[in-house]
Protein backbone atom coordinates (compact mmCIF):
# COMPACT_ATOMS: atom_id res chain seq x y z
CA MET A 1 23.64 -10.83 4.64
CA ARG A 2 20.99 -12.56 6.92
CA THR A 3 19.56 -15.95 6.10
CA GLU A 4 15.99 -15.84 4.97
CA PRO A 5 13.45 -18.72 5.47
CA GLN A 6 12.82 -20.59 2.20
CA ILE A 7 9.73 -19.47 0.38
CA GLU A 8 6.98 -22.18 0.36
CA ILE A 9 5.11 -22.57 -2.92
CA ARG A 10 1.88 -20.87 -2.45
CA SER A 11 2.19 -17.64 -4.59
CA VAL A 12 5.88 -17.46 -5.07
CA VAL A 13 6.14 -14.01 -6.65
CA ASP A 14 3.70 -12.54 -4.00
CA GLN A 15 5.81 -13.91 -1.15
CA VAL A 16 9.16 -12.98 -2.85
CA HIS A 17 7.82 -9.46 -3.29
CA GLY A 18 6.68 -9.30 0.28
CA ALA A 19 9.91 -10.46 1.78
CA LEU A 20 11.97 -7.90 -0.31
CA LEU A 21 9.47 -5.12 0.52
CA GLU A 22 9.85 -5.69 4.24
CA ARG A 23 13.66 -5.47 3.94
CA ILE A 24 13.53 -2.28 1.91
CA VAL A 25 11.15 -0.67 4.43
CA ALA A 26 13.22 -1.93 7.46
CA GLY A 27 16.22 -0.39 5.88
CA GLU A 28 18.15 -3.79 5.58
CA LEU A 29 18.29 -2.99 1.92
CA PRO A 30 19.11 0.76 1.99
CA PRO A 31 18.57 3.08 -0.98
CA GLY A 32 21.10 2.64 -3.68
CA SER A 33 22.29 -0.91 -2.67
CA ARG A 34 22.57 -3.51 -5.42
CA LEU A 35 20.25 -6.39 -5.57
CA ARG A 36 22.20 -9.41 -6.61
CA GLN A 37 19.59 -11.77 -8.08
CA GLU A 38 21.52 -14.91 -7.86
CA ALA A 39 22.37 -14.37 -4.21
CA LEU A 40 18.93 -13.27 -3.26
CA ALA A 41 17.44 -16.28 -5.07
CA ASP A 42 19.65 -18.56 -3.14
CA GLU A 43 18.55 -16.90 0.17
CA LEU A 44 14.91 -17.16 -0.60
CA GLY A 45 15.07 -20.61 -1.94
CA VAL A 46 13.46 -19.76 -5.23
CA SER A 47 14.45 -19.68 -8.88
CA ARG A 48 15.44 -16.41 -10.65
CA THR A 49 12.15 -16.21 -12.60
CA PRO A 50 9.92 -15.38 -9.66
CA LEU A 51 12.56 -13.12 -8.27
CA ARG A 52 12.86 -11.30 -11.35
CA GLU A 53 9.00 -10.82 -11.55
CA ALA A 54 9.04 -9.56 -7.97
CA LEU A 55 11.73 -7.11 -8.69
CA VAL A 56 9.81 -5.77 -11.66
CA ARG A 57 6.78 -5.34 -9.49
CA LEU A 58 8.82 -3.38 -6.99
CA ALA A 59 10.10 -1.34 -9.91
CA SER A 60 6.57 -0.53 -10.79
CA GLU A 61 6.00 0.71 -7.38
CA GLY A 62 8.99 2.99 -7.44
CA LEU A 63 10.95 0.89 -4.96
CA VAL A 64 13.52 -0.63 -7.22
CA GLU A 65 15.42 0.73 -10.35
CA PHE A 66 17.00 -1.24 -13.26
CA THR A 67 20.13 0.39 -14.60
CA PRO A 68 22.68 -0.57 -17.21
CA ASN A 69 25.72 -2.20 -15.97
CA ARG A 70 24.44 -2.29 -12.40
CA GLY A 71 21.21 -4.29 -12.69
CA ALA A 72 18.56 -3.81 -9.96
CA THR A 73 19.10 -1.42 -7.14
CA VAL A 74 17.04 -0.18 -4.38
CA ALA A 75 15.60 3.22 -5.44
CA GLU A 76 16.33 6.51 -3.80
CA ARG A 77 13.30 8.02 -2.25
CA ASP A 78 12.18 11.61 -2.97
CA PHE A 79 10.57 12.66 0.28
CA THR A 80 9.73 16.11 -0.99
CA ASP A 81 7.60 14.55 -3.86
CA MET A 82 6.20 12.20 -1.16
CA GLU A 83 4.78 15.08 0.84
CA GLN A 84 3.12 16.56 -2.48
CA ALA A 85 1.60 13.09 -3.21
CA TRP A 86 0.33 13.08 0.31
CA GLY A 87 -1.30 16.44 -0.21
CA ALA A 88 -2.82 15.24 -3.43
CA ARG A 89 -4.43 12.44 -1.39
CA LEU A 90 -6.02 14.97 0.92
CA VAL A 91 -7.60 16.62 -2.15
CA ILE A 92 -8.87 13.49 -3.88
CA GLU A 93 -9.85 10.85 -1.36
CA PRO A 94 -12.06 13.04 0.98
CA GLY A 95 -14.01 14.43 -2.03
CA ALA A 96 -14.26 10.86 -3.38
CA ALA A 97 -15.68 9.60 -0.05
CA ARG A 98 -18.43 12.42 -0.15
CA LEU A 99 -19.38 11.32 -3.66
CA ALA A 100 -19.47 7.62 -2.65
CA ALA A 101 -21.84 8.54 0.12
CA GLU A 102 -23.99 10.46 -2.17
CA ARG A 103 -24.13 7.34 -4.42
CA ARG A 104 -24.55 4.76 -1.56
CA ASP A 105 -23.83 1.94 -4.12
CA PRO A 106 -24.62 -1.22 -2.14
CA ASP A 107 -21.99 -3.26 -3.94
CA ALA A 108 -19.31 -0.77 -3.21
CA VAL A 109 -20.25 -0.57 0.37
CA GLU A 110 -20.12 -4.37 0.84
CA ARG A 111 -16.62 -4.30 -0.83
CA LEU A 112 -15.46 -1.69 1.60
CA ARG A 113 -16.84 -3.73 4.54
CA GLU A 114 -15.15 -6.89 3.29
CA CYS A 115 -11.69 -4.92 3.11
CA VAL A 116 -12.23 -4.08 6.80
CA ARG A 117 -13.23 -7.45 7.74
CA ARG A 118 -10.10 -9.13 6.04
CA GLN A 119 -7.80 -6.30 7.36
CA ARG A 120 -8.88 -7.12 10.92
CA ALA A 121 -8.43 -10.80 10.18
CA VAL A 122 -4.87 -10.55 9.09
CA ALA A 123 -3.49 -7.87 11.34
CA GLY A 124 -0.65 -9.89 12.21
CA ASP A 125 0.45 -10.33 8.54
CA VAL A 126 1.96 -6.91 7.67
CA THR A 127 2.35 -7.60 3.77
CA THR A 128 -1.30 -8.70 3.48
CA SER A 129 -2.59 -5.91 5.49
CA PHE A 130 -0.75 -3.42 3.37
CA ALA A 131 -2.39 -4.74 0.23
CA LEU A 132 -5.91 -4.54 1.95
CA ASN A 133 -5.14 -1.00 3.16
CA ARG A 134 -4.29 0.05 -0.39
CA GLU A 135 -7.47 -1.89 -1.66
CA PHE A 136 -9.64 -0.11 0.78
CA HIS A 137 -8.69 3.43 -0.09
CA LEU A 138 -8.70 2.64 -3.85
CA THR A 139 -12.16 1.10 -3.48
CA LEU A 140 -13.42 4.09 -1.68
CA VAL A 141 -12.24 6.32 -4.50
CA HIS A 142 -13.83 4.12 -7.19
CA ALA A 143 -17.05 4.03 -5.06
CA SER A 144 -17.33 7.72 -6.15
CA GLY A 145 -18.30 6.50 -9.60
CA ASN A 146 -15.75 9.03 -11.12
CA VAL A 147 -13.37 7.10 -13.34
CA HIS A 148 -10.91 9.98 -13.38
CA LEU A 149 -10.57 10.15 -9.69
CA GLY A 150 -9.94 6.47 -9.60
CA GLN A 151 -7.21 6.76 -12.23
CA PHE A 152 -5.47 9.65 -10.24
CA ALA A 153 -5.69 7.59 -6.93
CA GLU A 154 -4.20 4.38 -8.66
CA LEU A 155 -1.28 6.44 -9.85
CA LEU A 156 -0.53 7.94 -6.38
CA TRP A 157 -0.86 4.73 -4.57
CA LEU A 158 1.30 2.79 -7.22
CA THR A 159 4.39 5.01 -7.06
CA ARG A 160 4.42 7.17 -4.04
CA ILE A 161 2.08 6.29 -1.14
CA GLY A 162 2.78 2.65 -0.48
CA VAL A 163 6.14 2.82 1.26
CA PRO A 164 5.30 5.14 4.24
CA ILE A 165 1.96 3.27 4.80
CA PHE A 166 3.77 0.00 4.81
CA ALA A 167 6.43 1.41 7.26
CA ARG A 168 3.76 2.78 9.65
CA GLN A 169 1.85 -0.56 9.48
CA ALA A 170 4.93 -2.59 10.23
CA ARG A 171 5.24 -0.90 13.62
CA SER A 172 2.53 -2.84 15.44
CA ARG A 173 -0.52 -5.01 15.01
CA GLU A 174 -2.40 -2.43 17.19
CA GLN A 175 -1.67 0.20 14.49
CA ILE A 176 -3.19 -1.91 11.79
CA LEU A 177 -6.33 -2.60 13.93
CA LEU A 178 -6.60 1.16 14.64
CA TRP A 179 -6.67 1.89 11.01
CA ALA A 180 -9.19 -0.87 10.24
CA ASN A 181 -11.44 0.69 12.89
CA GLU A 182 -11.21 4.09 11.19
CA HIS A 183 -11.87 2.52 7.96
CA ALA A 184 -15.03 0.97 9.38
CA THR A 185 -16.33 4.33 10.67
CA ILE A 186 -15.82 5.68 7.21
CA VAL A 187 -17.71 2.90 5.45
CA GLU A 188 -20.66 3.39 7.77
CA ALA A 189 -20.90 7.16 6.89
CA VAL A 190 -20.78 6.23 3.15
CA ALA A 191 -23.48 3.44 3.86
CA GLY A 192 -25.69 5.97 5.65
CA GLY A 193 -25.39 8.58 2.85
CA LYS A 194 -23.77 11.05 5.22
CA ALA A 195 -21.68 12.84 2.75
CA ALA A 196 -20.17 15.58 4.76
CA LEU A 197 -19.18 13.14 7.59
CA ALA A 198 -17.66 10.59 5.07
CA GLU A 199 -15.50 13.46 3.72
CA ARG A 200 -14.47 14.73 7.04
CA LEU A 201 -13.57 11.32 8.58
CA THR A 202 -11.46 10.52 5.43
CA ARG A 203 -9.68 13.72 5.63
CA ASP A 204 -8.94 13.22 9.27
CA HIS A 205 -7.97 9.68 8.74
CA ILE A 206 -5.28 10.67 6.04
CA ALA A 207 -4.07 13.97 7.71
CA ALA A 208 -3.35 11.96 11.01
CA TYR A 209 -0.78 9.81 9.41
CA PRO A 210 1.62 12.05 7.17
CA PRO A 211 4.62 10.68 5.40
CA PRO A 212 7.72 10.09 7.43
CA GLN A 213 10.42 12.68 7.32
CA PRO A 214 13.75 11.96 5.77
């Protein structure tokens, strides 16, 4: 196993989570592989407590499984279900964008703009950019004012959508900036009350980046 740079004390759980997420997405920790906590803690230069917390978070995101006698392992991915989850996004998010444009809530618009600003500023930091990308899309849905749409979107993003998005973002800084630009266009449609345009732009944005094939 490769030697990881030791984690600096800042937000230890977040950094351990990000380091493991990158390795899972890159295939360095393939599906089904056992995550030996003592060895990983030594590699990352952290105690087992933050490592365990990071693994629990990854488990909540559908990336890690805890099983009797084996402990933590990298989860197998169900790409068929991933495609269905992506299809659900195409139903939920464009409609939510239309509702958000009809509401034109100024606080929600500012939160969306702030997401875009931060995403552009950290385009070289893949882990942070992934979190901001997720934050943008969930903020867009919540801007609809429909609590049920928000709950559905939270569920999809938590368990199914994160991995392929992160994998695509990890390819290049230019890809991250392109997504930020597309997000900015959606925000301005929402801010301008252009409901049909906000819906179309959101649908086109999602449809242009389908989940990867197995």
